[in-house]
């Protein structure tokens, strides 16, 4: 059974960098062909995909967040990390990490099979 657990500060000041870590157990983040995503849900709004890091270490980001988001990984700890710079109150949200299976080296399945429980991040001075 794969489990994902988000961790990080619940309160970040405007203009600072938000940093969250997702710790994965029950499966390796380097196993073919999984994609490891960060997704958020602002209060009263729908889910927003932020970006992913895939099994090979490649990354992709939402165009709207690409200039501020960075996803990296520590394979020795089986963790992947989101950094979001220059945050504003509009970045206040519940942040989730999730796994999306891939069908091969270039095709994603389009669904998430495992999610973390989510962590609330509030941006406020």
PDB file of N, CA and C in Angstrom:
ATOM      1  N   UNK A   1       0.846  -1.191   0.000  1.00  0.00           N
ATOM      2  CA  UNK A   1       0.000   0.000   0.000  1.00  0.00           C
ATOM      3  C   UNK A   1       0.886   1.248   0.000  1.00  0.00           C
ATOM      4  N   UNK A   2       0.703   2.081  -1.003  1.00  0.00           N
ATOM      5  CA  UNK A   2       1.472   3.312  -1.101  1.00  0.00           C
ATOM      6  C   UNK A   2       0.830   4.372  -0.213  1.00  0.00           C
ATOM      7  N   UNK A   3       1.665   5.085   0.510  1.00  0.00           N
ATOM      8  CA  UNK A   3       1.182   6.194   1.334  1.00  0.00           C
ATOM      9  C   UNK A   3       2.008   7.432   1.043  1.00  0.00           C
ATOM     10  N   UNK A   4       1.352   8.584   0.996  1.00  0.00           N
ATOM     11  CA  UNK A   4       2.005   9.874   0.789  1.00  0.00           C
ATOM     12  C   UNK A   4       1.664  10.775   1.964  1.00  0.00           C
ATOM     13  N   UNK A   5       2.652  11.498   2.447  1.00  0.00           N
ATOM     14  CA  UNK A   5       2.454  12.369   3.598  1.00  0.00           C
ATOM     15  C   UNK A   5       3.127  13.709   3.345  1.00  0.00           C
ATOM     16  N   UNK A   6       2.329  14.774   3.336  1.00  0.00           N
ATOM     17  CA  UNK A   6       2.870  16.118   3.168  1.00  0.00           C
ATOM     18  C   UNK A   6       3.362  16.663   4.507  1.00  0.00           C
ATOM     19  N   UNK A   7       4.399  17.485   4.443  1.00  0.00           N
ATOM     20  CA  UNK A   7       4.884  18.153   5.652  1.00  0.00           C
ATOM     21  C   UNK A   7       5.468  19.503   5.273  1.00  0.00           C
ATOM     22  N   UNK A   8       5.399  20.430   6.222  1.00  0.00           N
ATOM     23  CA  UNK A   8       5.926  21.762   5.984  1.00  0.00           C
ATOM     24  C   UNK A   8       5.224  22.771   6.856  1.00  0.00           C
ATOM     25  N   UNK A   9       5.671  24.006   6.829  1.00  0.00           N
ATOM     26  CA  UNK A   9       5.066  25.039   7.670  1.00  0.00           C
ATOM     27  C   UNK A   9       3.649  25.355   7.248  1.00  0.00           C
ATOM     28  N   UNK A  10       2.806  25.625   8.201  1.00  0.00           N
ATOM     29  CA  UNK A  10       1.423  25.958   7.919  1.00  0.00           C
ATOM     30  C   UNK A  10       1.205  27.436   7.656  1.00  0.00           C
ATOM     31  N   UNK A  11       2.202  28.252   7.997  1.00  0.00           N
ATOM     32  CA  UNK A  11       2.083  29.699   7.839  1.00  0.00           C
ATOM     33  C   UNK A  11       3.351  30.233   7.185  1.00  0.00           C
ATOM     34  N   UNK A  12       3.168  30.969   6.119  1.00  0.00           N
ATOM     35  CA  UNK A  12       4.282  31.572   5.388  1.00  0.00           C
ATOM     36  C   UNK A  12       3.977  33.053   5.183  1.00  0.00           C
ATOM     37  N   UNK A  13       4.985  33.879   5.300  1.00  0.00           N
ATOM     38  CA  UNK A  13       4.794  35.326   5.117  1.00  0.00           C
ATOM     39  C   UNK A  13       4.842  35.680   3.639  1.00  0.00           C
ATOM     40  N   UNK A  14       4.101  36.710   3.257  1.00  0.00           N
ATOM     41  CA  UNK A  14       4.150  37.169   1.856  1.00  0.00           C
ATOM     42  C   UNK A  14       5.578  37.474   1.428  1.00  0.00           C
ATOM     43  N   UNK A  15       5.873  37.171   0.182  1.00  0.00           N
ATOM     44  CA  UNK A  15       7.168  37.344  -0.497  1.00  0.00           C
ATOM     45  C   UNK A  15       8.172  36.244  -0.158  1.00  0.00           C
ATOM     46  N   UNK A  16       7.862  35.403   0.830  1.00  0.00           N
ATOM     47  CA  UNK A  16       8.782  34.330   1.172  1.00  0.00           C
ATOM     48  C   UNK A  16       8.572  33.124   0.259  1.00  0.00           C
ATOM     49  N   UNK A  17       9.391  32.100   0.454  1.00  0.00           N
ATOM     50  CA  UNK A  17       9.278  30.867  -0.318  1.00  0.00           C
ATOM     51  C   UNK A  17       8.611  29.779   0.511  1.00  0.00           C
ATOM     52  N   UNK A  18       7.576  29.217  -0.062  1.00  0.00           N
ATOM     53  CA  UNK A  18       6.856  28.097   0.553  1.00  0.00           C
ATOM     54  C   UNK A  18       7.619  26.821   0.195  1.00  0.00           C
ATOM     55  N   UNK A  19       7.849  25.966   1.195  1.00  0.00           N
ATOM     56  CA  UNK A  19       8.545  24.713   0.939  1.00  0.00           C
ATOM     57  C   UNK A  19       7.787  23.568   1.605  1.00  0.00           C
ATOM     58  N   UNK A  20       7.376  22.591   0.808  1.00  0.00           N
ATOM     59  CA  UNK A  20       6.648  21.430   1.297  1.00  0.00           C
ATOM     60  C   UNK A  20       7.334  20.156   0.826  1.00  0.00           C
ATOM     61  N   UNK A  21       7.301  19.149   1.668  1.00  0.00           N
ATOM     62  CA  UNK A  21       7.887  17.850   1.334  1.00  0.00           C
ATOM     63  C   UNK A  21       6.825  16.773   1.369  1.00  0.00           C
ATOM     64  N   UNK A  22       6.889  15.869   0.415  1.00  0.00           N
ATOM     65  CA  UNK A  22       6.008  14.705   0.381  1.00  0.00           C
ATOM     66  C   UNK A  22       6.874  13.462   0.602  1.00  0.00           C
ATOM     67  N   UNK A  23       6.593  12.742   1.662  1.00  0.00           N
ATOM     68  CA  UNK A  23       7.316  11.510   1.959  1.00  0.00           C
ATOM     69  C   UNK A  23       6.476  10.332   1.500  1.00  0.00           C
ATOM     70  N   UNK A  24       7.085   9.481   0.701  1.00  0.00           N
ATOM     71  CA  UNK A  24       6.372   8.346   0.112  1.00  0.00           C
ATOM     72  C   UNK A  24       6.832   7.048   0.770  1.00  0.00           C
ATOM     73  N   UNK A  25       5.886   6.211   1.136  1.00  0.00           N
ATOM     74  CA  UNK A  25       6.199   4.884   1.666  1.00  0.00           C
ATOM     75  C   UNK A  25       5.406   3.847   0.893  1.00  0.00           C
ATOM     76  N   UNK A  26       5.933   2.625   0.862  1.00  0.00           N
ATOM     77  CA  UNK A  26       5.245   1.552   0.164  1.00  0.00           C
ATOM     78  C   UNK A  26       5.545   1.487  -1.318  1.00  0.00           C
ATOM     79  N   UNK A  27       6.422   2.329  -1.808  1.00  0.00           N
ATOM     80  CA  UNK A  27       6.775   2.334  -3.220  1.00  0.00           C
ATOM     81  C   UNK A  27       7.852   3.372  -3.484  1.00  0.00           C
ATOM     82  N   UNK A  28       8.702   3.112  -4.458  1.00  0.00           N
ATOM     83  CA  UNK A  28       9.800   4.039  -4.751  1.00  0.00           C
ATOM     84  C   UNK A  28       9.387   5.103  -5.751  1.00  0.00           C
ATOM     85  N   UNK A  29       9.859   6.327  -5.548  1.00  0.00           N
ATOM     86  CA  UNK A  29       9.538   7.414  -6.470  1.00  0.00           C
ATOM     87  C   UNK A  29      10.323   7.288  -7.781  1.00  0.00           C
ATOM     88  N   UNK A  30      11.222   6.320  -7.866  1.00  0.00           N
ATOM     89  CA  UNK A  30      11.986   6.107  -9.099  1.00  0.00           C
ATOM     90  C   UNK A  30      11.429   4.957  -9.935  1.00  0.00           C
ATOM     91  N   UNK A  31      10.369   4.337  -9.457  1.00  0.00           N
ATOM     92  CA  UNK A  31       9.789   3.195 -10.188  1.00  0.00           C
ATOM     93  C   UNK A  31       9.072   3.654 -11.451  1.00  0.00           C
ATOM     94  N   UNK A  32       9.353   2.965 -12.579  1.00  0.00           N
ATOM     95  CA  UNK A  32       8.638   3.255 -13.834  1.00  0.00           C
ATOM     96  C   UNK A  32       7.144   3.020 -13.637  1.00  0.00           C
ATOM     97  N   UNK A  33       6.324   3.737 -14.232  1.00  0.00           N
ATOM     98  CA  UNK A  33       6.416   5.021 -14.935  1.00  0.00           C
ATOM     99  C   UNK A  33       5.594   6.041 -14.155  1.00  0.00           C
ATOM    100  N   UNK A  34       5.845   6.179 -12.873  1.00  0.00           N
ATOM    101  CA  UNK A  34       5.002   7.030 -12.048  1.00  0.00           C
ATOM    102  C   UNK A  34       5.401   8.503 -12.081  1.00  0.00           C
ATOM    103  N   UNK A  35       4.364   9.364 -11.983  1.00  0.00           N
ATOM    104  CA  UNK A  35       4.518  10.803 -11.936  1.00  0.00           C
ATOM    105  C   UNK A  35       4.031  11.282 -10.578  1.00  0.00           C
ATOM    106  N   UNK A  36       4.817  12.116  -9.932  1.00  0.00           N
ATOM    107  CA  UNK A  36       4.539  12.563  -8.565  1.00  0.00           C
ATOM    108  C   UNK A  36       4.215  14.053  -8.593  1.00  0.00           C
ATOM    109  N   UNK A  37       2.954  14.348  -8.283  1.00  0.00           N
ATOM    110  CA  UNK A  37       2.440  15.702  -8.478  1.00  0.00           C
ATOM    111  C   UNK A  37       2.226  16.456  -7.182  1.00  0.00           C
ATOM    112  N   UNK A  38       2.222  17.767  -7.337  1.00  0.00           N
ATOM    113  CA  UNK A  38       1.714  18.679  -6.312  1.00  0.00           C
ATOM    114  C   UNK A  38       0.460  19.341  -6.866  1.00  0.00           C
ATOM    115  N   UNK A  39      -0.573  19.382  -6.049  1.00  0.00           N
ATOM    116  CA  UNK A  39      -1.882  19.920  -6.409  1.00  0.00           C
ATOM    117  C   UNK A  39      -2.359  20.737  -5.222  1.00  0.00           C
ATOM    118  N   UNK A  40      -3.083  21.817  -5.491  1.00  0.00           N
ATOM    119  CA  UNK A  40      -3.594  22.623  -4.387  1.00  0.00           C
ATOM    120  C   UNK A  40      -5.047  22.977  -4.598  1.00  0.00           C
ATOM    121  N   UNK A  41      -5.700  23.332  -3.501  1.00  0.00           N
ATOM    122  CA  UNK A  41      -7.087  23.760  -3.551  1.00  0.00           C
ATOM    123  C   UNK A  41      -7.261  24.994  -2.687  1.00  0.00           C
ATOM    124  N   UNK A  42      -7.367  26.169  -3.294  1.00  0.00           N
ATOM    125  CA  UNK A  42      -7.628  27.388  -2.523  1.00  0.00           C
ATOM    126  C   UNK A  42      -9.023  27.333  -1.912  1.00  0.00           C
ATOM    127  N   UNK A  43      -9.266  28.090  -0.864  1.00  0.00           N
ATOM    128  CA  UNK A  43     -10.579  28.063  -0.219  1.00  0.00           C
ATOM    129  C   UNK A  43     -11.685  28.441  -1.186  1.00  0.00           C
ATOM    130  N   UNK A  44     -12.701  27.612  -1.273  1.00  0.00           N
ATOM    131  CA  UNK A  44     -13.854  27.890  -2.109  1.00  0.00           C
ATOM    132  C   UNK A  44     -13.630  27.674  -3.593  1.00  0.00           C
ATOM    133  N   UNK A  45     -12.469  27.103  -3.966  1.00  0.00           N
ATOM    134  CA  UNK A  45     -12.155  26.909  -5.385  1.00  0.00           C
ATOM    135  C   UNK A  45     -11.846  25.443  -5.678  1.00  0.00           C
ATOM    136  N   UNK A  46     -11.639  25.132  -6.927  1.00  0.00           N
ATOM    137  CA  UNK A  46     -11.348  23.767  -7.340  1.00  0.00           C
ATOM    138  C   UNK A  46      -9.880  23.419  -7.223  1.00  0.00           C
ATOM    139  N   UNK A  47      -9.576  22.183  -7.579  1.00  0.00           N
ATOM    140  CA  UNK A  47      -8.199  21.716  -7.535  1.00  0.00           C
ATOM    141  C   UNK A  47      -7.372  22.346  -8.659  1.00  0.00           C
ATOM    142  N   UNK A  48      -6.140  22.683  -8.330  1.00  0.00           N
ATOM    143  CA  UNK A  48      -5.216  23.264  -9.304  1.00  0.00           C
ATOM    144  C   UNK A  48      -3.926  22.457  -9.316  1.00  0.00           C
ATOM    145  N   UNK A  49      -3.574  21.939 -10.461  1.00  0.00           N
ATOM    146  CA  UNK A  49      -2.326  21.210 -10.602  1.00  0.00           C
ATOM    147  C   UNK A  49      -1.154  22.189 -10.626  1.00  0.00           C
ATOM    148  N   UNK A  50      -0.125  21.914  -9.851  1.00  0.00           N
ATOM    149  CA  UNK A  50       1.047  22.791  -9.779  1.00  0.00           C
ATOM    150  C   UNK A  50       2.170  22.268 -10.664  1.00  0.00           C
ATOM    151  N   UNK A  51       2.441  20.969 -10.569  1.00  0.00           N
ATOM    152  CA  UNK A  51       3.517  20.392 -11.350  1.00  0.00           C
ATOM    153  C   UNK A  51       3.811  18.977 -10.908  1.00  0.00           C
ATOM    154  N   UNK A  52       4.702  18.319 -11.649  1.00  0.00           N
ATOM    155  CA  UNK A  52       5.126  16.975 -11.267  1.00  0.00           C
ATOM    156  C   UNK A  52       6.605  16.757 -11.485  1.00  0.00           C
ATOM    157  N   UNK A  53       7.090  15.724 -10.783  1.00  0.00           N
ATOM    158  CA  UNK A  53       8.419  15.185 -11.042  1.00  0.00           C
ATOM    159  C   UNK A  53       8.213  13.703 -11.333  1.00  0.00           C
ATOM    160  N   UNK A  54       8.776  13.236 -12.419  1.00  0.00           N
ATOM    161  CA  UNK A  54       8.499  11.859 -12.791  1.00  0.00           C
ATOM    162  C   UNK A  54       9.619  10.914 -12.356  1.00  0.00           C
ATOM    163  N   UNK A  55       9.418   9.634 -12.587  1.00  0.00           N
ATOM    164  CA  UNK A  55      10.296   8.574 -12.127  1.00  0.00           C
ATOM    165  C   UNK A  55      11.749   8.789 -12.532  1.00  0.00           C
ATOM    166  N   UNK A  56      11.943   9.411 -13.667  1.00  0.00           N
ATOM    167  CA  UNK A  56      13.304   9.631 -14.188  1.00  0.00           C
ATOM    168  C   UNK A  56      13.922  10.925 -13.677  1.00  0.00           C
ATOM    169  N   UNK A  57      13.136  11.733 -12.999  1.00  0.00           N
ATOM    170  CA  UNK A  57      13.630  13.001 -12.478  1.00  0.00           C
ATOM    171  C   UNK A  57      13.217  14.213 -13.283  1.00  0.00           C
ATOM    172  N   UNK A  58      12.617  14.011 -14.447  1.00  0.00           N
ATOM    173  CA  UNK A  58      12.124  15.136 -15.231  1.00  0.00           C
ATOM    174  C   UNK A  58      10.970  15.823 -14.550  1.00  0.00           C
ATOM    175  N   UNK A  59      10.760  17.098 -14.882  1.00  0.00           N
ATOM    176  CA  UNK A  59       9.701  17.883 -14.246  1.00  0.00           C
ATOM    177  C   UNK A  59       8.856  18.607 -15.282  1.00  0.00           C
ATOM    178  N   UNK A  60       7.661  18.995 -14.863  1.00  0.00           N
ATOM    179  CA  UNK A  60       6.789  19.828 -15.671  1.00  0.00           C
ATOM    180  C   UNK A  60       5.937  20.647 -14.716  1.00  0.00           C
ATOM    181  N   UNK A  61       5.532  21.847 -15.172  1.00  0.00           N
ATOM    182  CA  UNK A  61       4.811  22.758 -14.308  1.00  0.00           C
ATOM    183  C   UNK A  61       3.624  23.379 -15.024  1.00  0.00           C
ATOM    184  N   UNK A  62       2.664  23.812 -14.228  1.00  0.00           N
ATOM    185  CA  UNK A  62       1.576  24.601 -14.757  1.00  0.00           C
ATOM    186  C   UNK A  62       2.143  25.899 -15.318  1.00  0.00           C
ATOM    187  N   UNK A  63       1.700  26.306 -16.505  1.00  0.00           N
ATOM    188  CA  UNK A  63       2.230  27.555 -17.080  1.00  0.00           C
ATOM    189  C   UNK A  63       2.035  28.756 -16.170  1.00  0.00           C
ATOM    190  N   UNK A  64       0.941  28.762 -15.415  1.00  0.00           N
ATOM    191  CA  UNK A  64       0.645  29.916 -14.555  1.00  0.00           C
ATOM    192  C   UNK A  64       1.564  29.984 -13.340  1.00  0.00           C
ATOM    193  N   UNK A  65       2.213  28.874 -12.992  1.00  0.00           N
ATOM    194  CA  UNK A  65       3.065  28.833 -11.802  1.00  0.00           C
ATOM    195  C   UNK A  65       4.519  28.536 -12.140  1.00  0.00           C
ATOM    196  N   UNK A  66       4.809  28.323 -13.398  1.00  0.00           N
ATOM    197  CA  UNK A  66       6.136  27.856 -13.808  1.00  0.00           C
ATOM    198  C   UNK A  66       7.260  28.770 -13.355  1.00  0.00           C
ATOM    199  N   UNK A  67       6.989  30.075 -13.346  1.00  0.00           N
ATOM    200  CA  UNK A  67       8.048  31.023 -12.994  1.00  0.00           C
ATOM    201  C   UNK A  67       8.374  31.007 -11.509  1.00  0.00           C
ATOM    202  N   UNK A  68       7.471  30.443 -10.686  1.00  0.00           N
ATOM    203  CA  UNK A  68       7.675  30.479  -9.235  1.00  0.00           C
ATOM    204  C   UNK A  68       7.841  29.094  -8.597  1.00  0.00           C
ATOM    205  N   UNK A  69       7.491  28.041  -9.335  1.00  0.00           N
ATOM    206  CA  UNK A  69       7.481  26.700  -8.745  1.00  0.00           C
ATOM    207  C   UNK A  69       8.726  25.907  -9.129  1.00  0.00           C
ATOM    208  N   UNK A  70       9.162  25.080  -8.188  1.00  0.00           N
ATOM    209  CA  UNK A  70      10.277  24.171  -8.440  1.00  0.00           C
ATOM    210  C   UNK A  70      10.040  22.887  -7.657  1.00  0.00           C
ATOM    211  N   UNK A  71      10.140  21.751  -8.339  1.00  0.00           N
ATOM    212  CA  UNK A  71       9.963  20.461  -7.687  1.00  0.00           C
ATOM    213  C   UNK A  71      11.261  19.674  -7.811  1.00  0.00           C
ATOM    214  N   UNK A  72      11.718  19.146  -6.690  1.00  0.00           N
ATOM    215  CA  UNK A  72      12.942  18.352  -6.657  1.00  0.00           C
ATOM    216  C   UNK A  72      12.689  17.086  -5.855  1.00  0.00           C
ATOM    217  N   UNK A  73      13.692  16.227  -5.784  1.00  0.00           N
ATOM    218  CA  UNK A  73      13.495  14.981  -5.051  1.00  0.00           C
ATOM    219  C   UNK A  73      14.782  14.558  -4.345  1.00  0.00           C
ATOM    220  N   UNK A  74      14.593  13.750  -3.317  1.00  0.00           N
ATOM    221  CA  UNK A  74      15.698  13.112  -2.611  1.00  0.00           C
ATOM    222  C   UNK A  74      15.402  11.612  -2.653  1.00  0.00           C
ATOM    223  N   UNK A  75      16.036  10.921  -3.558  1.00  0.00           N
ATOM    224  CA  UNK A  75      15.731   9.501  -3.733  1.00  0.00           C
ATOM    225  C   UNK A  75      16.181   8.664  -2.540  1.00  0.00           C
ATOM    226  N   UNK A  76      17.192   9.139  -1.807  1.00  0.00           N
ATOM    227  CA  UNK A  76      17.663   8.384  -0.641  1.00  0.00           C
ATOM    228  C   UNK A  76      16.623   8.386   0.481  1.00  0.00           C
ATOM    229  N   UNK A  77      15.784   9.420   0.492  1.00  0.00           N
ATOM    230  CA  UNK A  77      14.735   9.517   1.515  1.00  0.00           C
ATOM    231  C   UNK A  77      13.361   9.193   0.936  1.00  0.00           C
ATOM    232  N   UNK A  78      13.296   8.946  -0.361  1.00  0.00           N
ATOM    233  CA  UNK A  78      12.028   8.696  -1.052  1.00  0.00           C
ATOM    234  C   UNK A  78      11.055   9.857  -0.828  1.00  0.00           C
ATOM    235  N   UNK A  79      11.550  11.062  -1.053  1.00  0.00           N
ATOM    236  CA  UNK A  79      10.767  12.279  -0.858  1.00  0.00           C
ATOM    237  C   UNK A  79      10.854  13.163  -2.097  1.00  0.00           C
ATOM    238  N   UNK A  80       9.820  13.969  -2.302  1.00  0.00           N
ATOM    239  CA  UNK A  80       9.911  15.031  -3.295  1.00  0.00           C
ATOM    240  C   UNK A  80       9.370  16.306  -2.678  1.00  0.00           C
ATOM    241  N   UNK A  81       9.910  17.425  -3.151  1.00  0.00           N
ATOM    242  CA  UNK A  81       9.705  18.705  -2.486  1.00  0.00           C
ATOM    243  C   UNK A  81       9.208  19.754  -3.462  1.00  0.00           C
ATOM    244  N   UNK A  82       8.291  20.578  -2.991  1.00  0.00           N
ATOM    245  CA  UNK A  82       7.800  21.732  -3.748  1.00  0.00           C
ATOM    246  C   UNK A  82       8.354  22.997  -3.116  1.00  0.00           C
ATOM    247  N   UNK A  83       8.885  23.868  -3.937  1.00  0.00           N
ATOM    248  CA  UNK A  83       9.219  25.212  -3.501  1.00  0.00           C
ATOM    249  C   UNK A  83       8.450  26.187  -4.380  1.00  0.00           C
ATOM    250  N   UNK A  84       7.760  27.116  -3.737  1.00  0.00           N
ATOM    251  CA  UNK A  84       6.985  28.136  -4.445  1.00  0.00           C
ATOM    252  C   UNK A  84       7.447  29.494  -3.921  1.00  0.00           C
ATOM    253  N   UNK A  85       8.040  30.249  -4.791  1.00  0.00           N
ATOM    254  CA  UNK A  85       8.662  31.505  -4.362  1.00  0.00           C
ATOM    255  C   UNK A  85       7.695  32.679  -4.441  1.00  0.00           C
ATOM    256  N   UNK A  86       8.064  33.750  -3.794  1.00  0.00           N
ATOM    257  CA  UNK A  86       7.324  35.022  -3.859  1.00  0.00           C
ATOM    258  C   UNK A  86       5.834  34.831  -3.608  1.00  0.00           C
ATOM    259  N   UNK A  87       5.508  34.145  -2.534  1.00  0.00           N
ATOM    260  CA  UNK A  87       4.097  33.831  -2.285  1.00  0.00           C
ATOM    261  C   UNK A  87       3.303  35.079  -1.896  1.00  0.00           C
ATOM    262  N   UNK A  88       2.004  35.028  -2.205  1.00  0.00           N
ATOM    263  CA  UNK A  88       1.052  36.065  -1.831  1.00  0.00           C
ATOM    264  C   UNK A  88      -0.120  35.375  -1.137  1.00  0.00           C
ATOM    265  N   UNK A  89      -1.029  36.147  -0.562  1.00  0.00           N
ATOM    266  CA  UNK A  89      -2.202  35.518   0.071  1.00  0.00           C
ATOM    267  C   UNK A  89      -3.004  34.629  -0.894  1.00  0.00           C
ATOM    268  N   UNK A  90      -2.890  34.889  -2.194  1.00  0.00           N
ATOM    269  CA  UNK A  90      -3.598  34.058  -3.181  1.00  0.00           C
ATOM    270  C   UNK A  90      -3.030  32.637  -3.262  1.00  0.00           C
ATOM    271  N   UNK A  91      -1.883  32.410  -2.658  1.00  0.00           N
ATOM    272  CA  UNK A  91      -1.307  31.058  -2.609  1.00  0.00           C
ATOM    273  C   UNK A  91      -1.804  30.269  -1.395  1.00  0.00           C
ATOM    274  N   UNK A  92      -2.640  30.878  -0.597  1.00  0.00           N
ATOM    275  CA  UNK A  92      -3.246  30.164   0.522  1.00  0.00           C
ATOM    276  C   UNK A  92      -4.121  29.033  -0.012  1.00  0.00           C
ATOM    277  N   UNK A  93      -3.884  27.823   0.478  1.00  0.00           N
ATOM    278  CA  UNK A  93      -4.596  26.654  -0.056  1.00  0.00           C
ATOM    279  C   UNK A  93      -4.264  25.430   0.780  1.00  0.00           C
ATOM    280  N   UNK A  94      -5.030  24.372   0.536  1.00  0.00           N
ATOM    281  CA  UNK A  94      -4.621  23.046   0.993  1.00  0.00           C
ATOM    282  C   UNK A  94      -3.775  22.450  -0.128  1.00  0.00           C
ATOM    283  N   UNK A  95      -2.579  22.023   0.233  1.00  0.00           N
ATOM    284  CA  UNK A  95      -1.646  21.468  -0.740  1.00  0.00           C
ATOM    285  C   UNK A  95      -1.598  19.942  -0.592  1.00  0.00           C
ATOM    286  N   UNK A  96      -1.718  19.275  -1.735  1.00  0.00           N
ATOM    287  CA  UNK A  96      -1.702  17.817  -1.771  1.00  0.00           C
ATOM    288  C   UNK A  96      -0.543  17.316  -2.627  1.00  0.00           C
ATOM    289  N   UNK A  97       0.003  16.168  -2.258  1.00  0.00           N
ATOM    290  CA  UNK A  97       0.856  15.438  -3.180  1.00  0.00           C
ATOM    291  C   UNK A  97       0.091  14.188  -3.610  1.00  0.00           C
ATOM    292  N   UNK A  98       0.350  13.745  -4.832  1.00  0.00           N
ATOM    293  CA  UNK A  98      -0.400  12.627  -5.391  1.00  0.00           C
ATOM    294  C   UNK A  98       0.441  11.884  -6.417  1.00  0.00           C
ATOM    295  N   UNK A  99       0.056  10.640  -6.666  1.00  0.00           N
ATOM    296  CA  UNK A  99       0.764   9.827  -7.655  1.00  0.00           C
ATOM    297  C   UNK A  99      -0.135   9.549  -8.853  1.00  0.00           C
ATOM    298  N   UNK A 100       0.427   9.737 -10.050  1.00  0.00           N
ATOM    299  CA  UNK A 100      -0.288   9.411 -11.277  1.00  0.00           C
ATOM    300  C   UNK A 100       0.483   8.314 -12.003  1.00  0.00           C
ATOM    301  N   UNK A 101      -0.145   7.193 -12.288  1.00  0.00           N
ATOM    302  CA  UNK A 101       0.541   6.155 -13.054  1.00  0.00           C
ATOM    303  C   UNK A 101       0.742   6.605 -14.500  1.00  0.00           C
ATOM    304  N   UNK A 102       1.869   6.198 -15.067  1.00  0.00           N
ATOM    305  CA  UNK A 102       2.071   6.406 -16.484  1.00  0.00           C
ATOM    306  C   UNK A 102       1.913   5.074 -17.201  1.00  0.00           C
ATOM    307  N   UNK A 103       1.569   5.135 -18.485  1.00  0.00           N
ATOM    308  CA  UNK A 103       1.371   3.917 -19.266  1.00  0.00           C
ATOM    309  C   UNK A 103       2.664   3.466 -19.934  1.00  0.00           C
ATOM    310  N   UNK A 104       3.532   4.418 -20.238  1.00  0.00           N
ATOM    311  CA  UNK A 104       4.831   4.133 -20.818  1.00  0.00           C
ATOM    312  C   UNK A 104       5.703   5.352 -20.594  1.00  0.00           C
ATOM    313  N   UNK A 105       6.792   5.467 -21.336  1.00  0.00           N
ATOM    314  CA  UNK A 105       7.749   6.546 -21.088  1.00  0.00           C
ATOM    315  C   UNK A 105       7.192   7.924 -21.393  1.00  0.00           C
ATOM    316  N   UNK A 106       6.107   8.009 -22.152  1.00  0.00           N
ATOM    317  CA  UNK A 106       5.616   9.331 -22.545  1.00  0.00           C
ATOM    318  C   UNK A 106       4.114   9.506 -22.398  1.00  0.00           C
ATOM    319  N   UNK A 107       3.415   8.511 -21.891  1.00  0.00           N
ATOM    320  CA  UNK A 107       1.958   8.588 -21.795  1.00  0.00           C
ATOM    321  C   UNK A 107       1.510   8.491 -20.344  1.00  0.00           C
ATOM    322  N   UNK A 108       0.728   9.475 -19.916  1.00  0.00           N
ATOM    323  CA  UNK A 108       0.212   9.479 -18.552  1.00  0.00           C
ATOM    324  C   UNK A 108      -1.208   8.931 -18.553  1.00  0.00           C
ATOM    325  N   UNK A 109      -1.622   8.402 -17.412  1.00  0.00           N
ATOM    326  CA  UNK A 109      -2.927   7.731 -17.347  1.00  0.00           C
ATOM    327  C   UNK A 109      -4.087   8.718 -17.255  1.00  0.00           C
ATOM    328  N   UNK A 110      -3.834   9.887 -16.630  1.00  0.00           N
ATOM    329  CA  UNK A 110      -4.909  10.861 -16.498  1.00  0.00           C
ATOM    330  C   UNK A 110      -5.686  10.759 -15.196  1.00  0.00           C
ATOM    331  N   UNK A 111      -5.229   9.921 -14.296  1.00  0.00           N
ATOM    332  CA  UNK A 111      -5.896   9.842 -13.003  1.00  0.00           C
ATOM    333  C   UNK A 111      -4.840   9.654 -11.916  1.00  0.00           C
ATOM    334  N   UNK A 112      -5.230   9.986 -10.700  1.00  0.00           N
ATOM    335  CA  UNK A 112      -4.342   9.821  -9.547  1.00  0.00           C
ATOM    336  C   UNK A 112      -4.822   8.624  -8.734  1.00  0.00           C
ATOM    337  N   UNK A 113      -3.898   7.731  -8.418  1.00  0.00           N
ATOM    338  CA  UNK A 113      -4.329   6.557  -7.662  1.00  0.00           C
ATOM    339  C   UNK A 113      -4.045   6.663  -6.160  1.00  0.00           C
ATOM    340  N   UNK A 114      -3.132   7.528  -5.773  1.00  0.00           N
ATOM    341  CA  UNK A 114      -2.863   7.742  -4.350  1.00  0.00           C
ATOM    342  C   UNK A 114      -2.665   9.226  -4.071  1.00  0.00           C
ATOM    343  N   UNK A 115      -3.200   9.683  -2.929  1.00  0.00           N
ATOM    344  CA  UNK A 115      -3.108  11.061  -2.487  1.00  0.00           C
ATOM    345  C   UNK A 115      -2.612  11.106  -1.047  1.00  0.00           C
ATOM    346  N   UNK A 116      -1.936  12.211  -0.722  1.00  0.00           N
ATOM    347  CA  UNK A 116      -1.719  12.520   0.675  1.00  0.00           C
ATOM    348  C   UNK A 116      -2.990  13.112   1.256  1.00  0.00           C
ATOM    349  N   UNK A 117      -3.014  13.321   2.552  1.00  0.00           N
ATOM    350  CA  UNK A 117      -4.234  13.845   3.168  1.00  0.00           C
ATOM    351  C   UNK A 117      -4.345  15.353   3.019  1.00  0.00           C
ATOM    352  N   UNK A 118      -3.265  15.991   2.581  1.00  0.00           N
ATOM    353  CA  UNK A 118      -3.293  17.436   2.378  1.00  0.00           C
ATOM    354  C   UNK A 118      -2.790  18.200   3.588  1.00  0.00           C
ATOM    355  N   UNK A 119      -2.201  19.356   3.318  1.00  0.00           N
ATOM    356  CA  UNK A 119      -1.730  20.213   4.397  1.00  0.00           C
ATOM    357  C   UNK A 119      -2.137  21.661   4.110  1.00  0.00           C
ATOM    358  N   UNK A 120      -2.674  22.321   5.106  1.00  0.00           N
ATOM    359  CA  UNK A 120      -3.107  23.710   4.949  1.00  0.00           C
ATOM    360  C   UNK A 120      -1.899  24.639   5.003  1.00  0.00           C
ATOM    361  N   UNK A 121      -1.793  25.503   4.023  1.00  0.00           N
ATOM    362  CA  UNK A 121      -0.769  26.550   4.026  1.00  0.00           C
ATOM    363  C   UNK A 121      -1.476  27.901   3.916  1.00  0.00           C
ATOM    364  N   UNK A 122      -1.190  28.762   4.857  1.00  0.00           N
ATOM    365  CA  UNK A 122      -1.756  30.102   4.869  1.00  0.00           C
ATOM    366  C   UNK A 122      -0.633  31.110   4.658  1.00  0.00           C
ATOM    367  N   UNK A 123      -0.848  32.026   3.729  1.00  0.00           N
ATOM    368  CA  UNK A 123       0.123  33.089   3.488  1.00  0.00           C
ATOM    369  C   UNK A 123      -0.426  34.371   4.110  1.00  0.00           C
ATOM    370  N   UNK A 124       0.242  34.830   5.124  1.00  0.00           N
ATOM    371  CA  UNK A 124      -0.223  36.003   5.864  1.00  0.00           C
ATOM    372  C   UNK A 124       0.933  36.593   6.663  1.00  0.00           C
ATOM    373  N   UNK A 125       0.880  37.895   6.804  1.00  0.00           N
ATOM    374  CA  UNK A 125       1.896  38.562   7.622  1.00  0.00           C
ATOM    375  C   UNK A 125       1.488  38.566   9.085  1.00  0.00           C
TER     376      UNK A 125
END
